[in-house]
Amino acid sequence: MDQDDTVKALEGVAAVVDRLSDSQRGEFQQVIEAMTAAETDPGRREFLEVFPDGFGLAE
């Protein structure tokens, strides 16, 4: 994927996450945790592990 396209996509994700309510953030955090636990690919697992901090879900 082109780096510029990647940045645009991640900015879009960040904008959506920023608009979530507290309860929605909690639910999304639970989904990310479940995905992380089930992920077998080390690269994707690492991404999921840092996602909550990188996108402002973890406090």
C-alpha atoms as a PDB file:
ATOM      1  CA  MET A   1       0.000   0.000   0.000  1.00  0.00           C
ATOM      2  CA  ASP A   2       1.240   3.485  -0.817  1.00  0.00           C
ATOM      3  CA  GLN A   3       2.487   5.341   2.278  1.00  0.00           C
ATOM      4  CA  ASP A   4       0.325   8.390   1.581  1.00  0.00           C
ATOM      5  CA  ASP A   5      -2.743   6.175   1.275  1.00  0.00           C
ATOM      6  CA  THR A   6      -1.795   4.414   4.503  1.00  0.00           C
ATOM      7  CA  VAL A   7      -1.511   7.708   6.364  1.00  0.00           C
ATOM      8  CA  LYS A   8      -4.895   8.857   5.036  1.00  0.00           C
ATOM      9  CA  ALA A   9      -6.519   5.585   6.073  1.00  0.00           C
ATOM     10  CA  LEU A  10      -5.043   5.746   9.582  1.00  0.00           C
ATOM     11  CA  GLU A  11      -6.100   9.383   9.939  1.00  0.00           C
ATOM     12  CA  GLY A  12      -9.628   8.310   9.032  1.00  0.00           C
ATOM     13  CA  VAL A  13      -9.559   5.590  11.680  1.00  0.00           C
ATOM     14  CA  ALA A  14      -8.256   8.075  14.258  1.00  0.00           C
ATOM     15  CA  ALA A  15     -11.073  10.495  13.423  1.00  0.00           C
ATOM     16  CA  VAL A  16     -13.703   7.787  13.926  1.00  0.00           C
ATOM     17  CA  VAL A  17     -12.134   6.624  17.202  1.00  0.00           C
ATOM     18  CA  ASP A  18     -12.023  10.228  18.410  1.00  0.00           C
ATOM     19  CA  ARG A  19     -15.814  10.521  17.990  1.00  0.00           C
ATOM     20  CA  LEU A  20     -16.659   7.373  19.980  1.00  0.00           C
ATOM     21  CA  SER A  21     -18.482   7.709  23.280  1.00  0.00           C
ATOM     22  CA  ASP A  22     -16.853   6.318  26.421  1.00  0.00           C
ATOM     23  CA  SER A  23     -18.977   3.175  26.269  1.00  0.00           C
ATOM     24  CA  GLN A  24     -18.209   2.692  22.579  1.00  0.00           C
ATOM     25  CA  ARG A  25     -14.497   3.103  23.312  1.00  0.00           C
ATOM     26  CA  GLY A  26     -14.754   0.402  25.980  1.00  0.00           C
ATOM     27  CA  GLU A  27     -16.520  -1.965  23.616  1.00  0.00           C
ATOM     28  CA  PHE A  28     -14.007  -1.266  20.855  1.00  0.00           C
ATOM     29  CA  GLN A  29     -11.148  -1.879  23.296  1.00  0.00           C
ATOM     30  CA  GLN A  30     -12.661  -5.270  24.139  1.00  0.00           C
ATOM     31  CA  VAL A  31     -12.888  -6.161  20.448  1.00  0.00           C
ATOM     32  CA  ILE A  32      -9.243  -5.184  19.914  1.00  0.00           C
ATOM     33  CA  GLU A  33      -8.198  -7.282  22.938  1.00  0.00           C
ATOM     34  CA  ALA A  34     -10.088 -10.309  21.595  1.00  0.00           C
ATOM     35  CA  MET A  35      -8.565  -9.851  18.143  1.00  0.00           C
ATOM     36  CA  THR A  36      -5.093  -9.575  19.691  1.00  0.00           C
ATOM     37  CA  ALA A  37      -5.560 -12.770  21.690  1.00  0.00           C
ATOM     38  CA  ALA A  38      -6.704 -14.667  18.580  1.00  0.00           C
ATOM     39  CA  GLU A  39      -4.065 -13.291  16.187  1.00  0.00           C
ATOM     40  CA  THR A  40      -1.361 -15.737  15.144  1.00  0.00           C
ATOM     41  CA  ASP A  41       0.583 -13.474  12.766  1.00  0.00           C
ATOM     42  CA  PRO A  42       3.310 -11.742  14.805  1.00  0.00           C
ATOM     43  CA  GLY A  43       3.188  -8.523  12.762  1.00  0.00           C
ATOM     44  CA  ARG A  44      -0.571  -8.124  13.004  1.00  0.00           C
ATOM     45  CA  ARG A  45      -0.506  -9.087  16.673  1.00  0.00           C
ATOM     46  CA  GLU A  46       2.106  -6.409  17.385  1.00  0.00           C
ATOM     47  CA  PHE A  47      -0.012  -3.820  15.543  1.00  0.00           C
ATOM     48  CA  LEU A  48      -3.085  -4.778  17.580  1.00  0.00           C
ATOM     49  CA  GLU A  49      -1.091  -4.644  20.824  1.00  0.00           C
ATOM     50  CA  VAL A  50      -0.079  -1.009  20.263  1.00  0.00           C
ATOM     51  CA  PHE A  51      -3.311   0.099  18.563  1.00  0.00           C
ATOM     52  CA  PRO A  52      -5.133   1.182  21.754  1.00  0.00           C
ATOM     53  CA  ASP A  53      -2.315   3.524  22.821  1.00  0.00           C
ATOM     54  CA  GLY A  54      -1.657   4.809  19.335  1.00  0.00           C
ATOM     55  CA  PHE A  55      -5.279   5.680  18.700  1.00  0.00           C
ATOM     56  CA  GLY A  56      -6.160   7.064  22.122  1.00  0.00           C
ATOM     57  CA  LEU A  57      -8.253   4.171  23.409  1.00  0.00           C
ATOM     58  CA  ALA A  58      -6.057   3.403  26.409  1.00  0.00           C
ATOM     59  CA  GLU A  59      -5.933   5.915  29.179  1.00  0.00           C
END
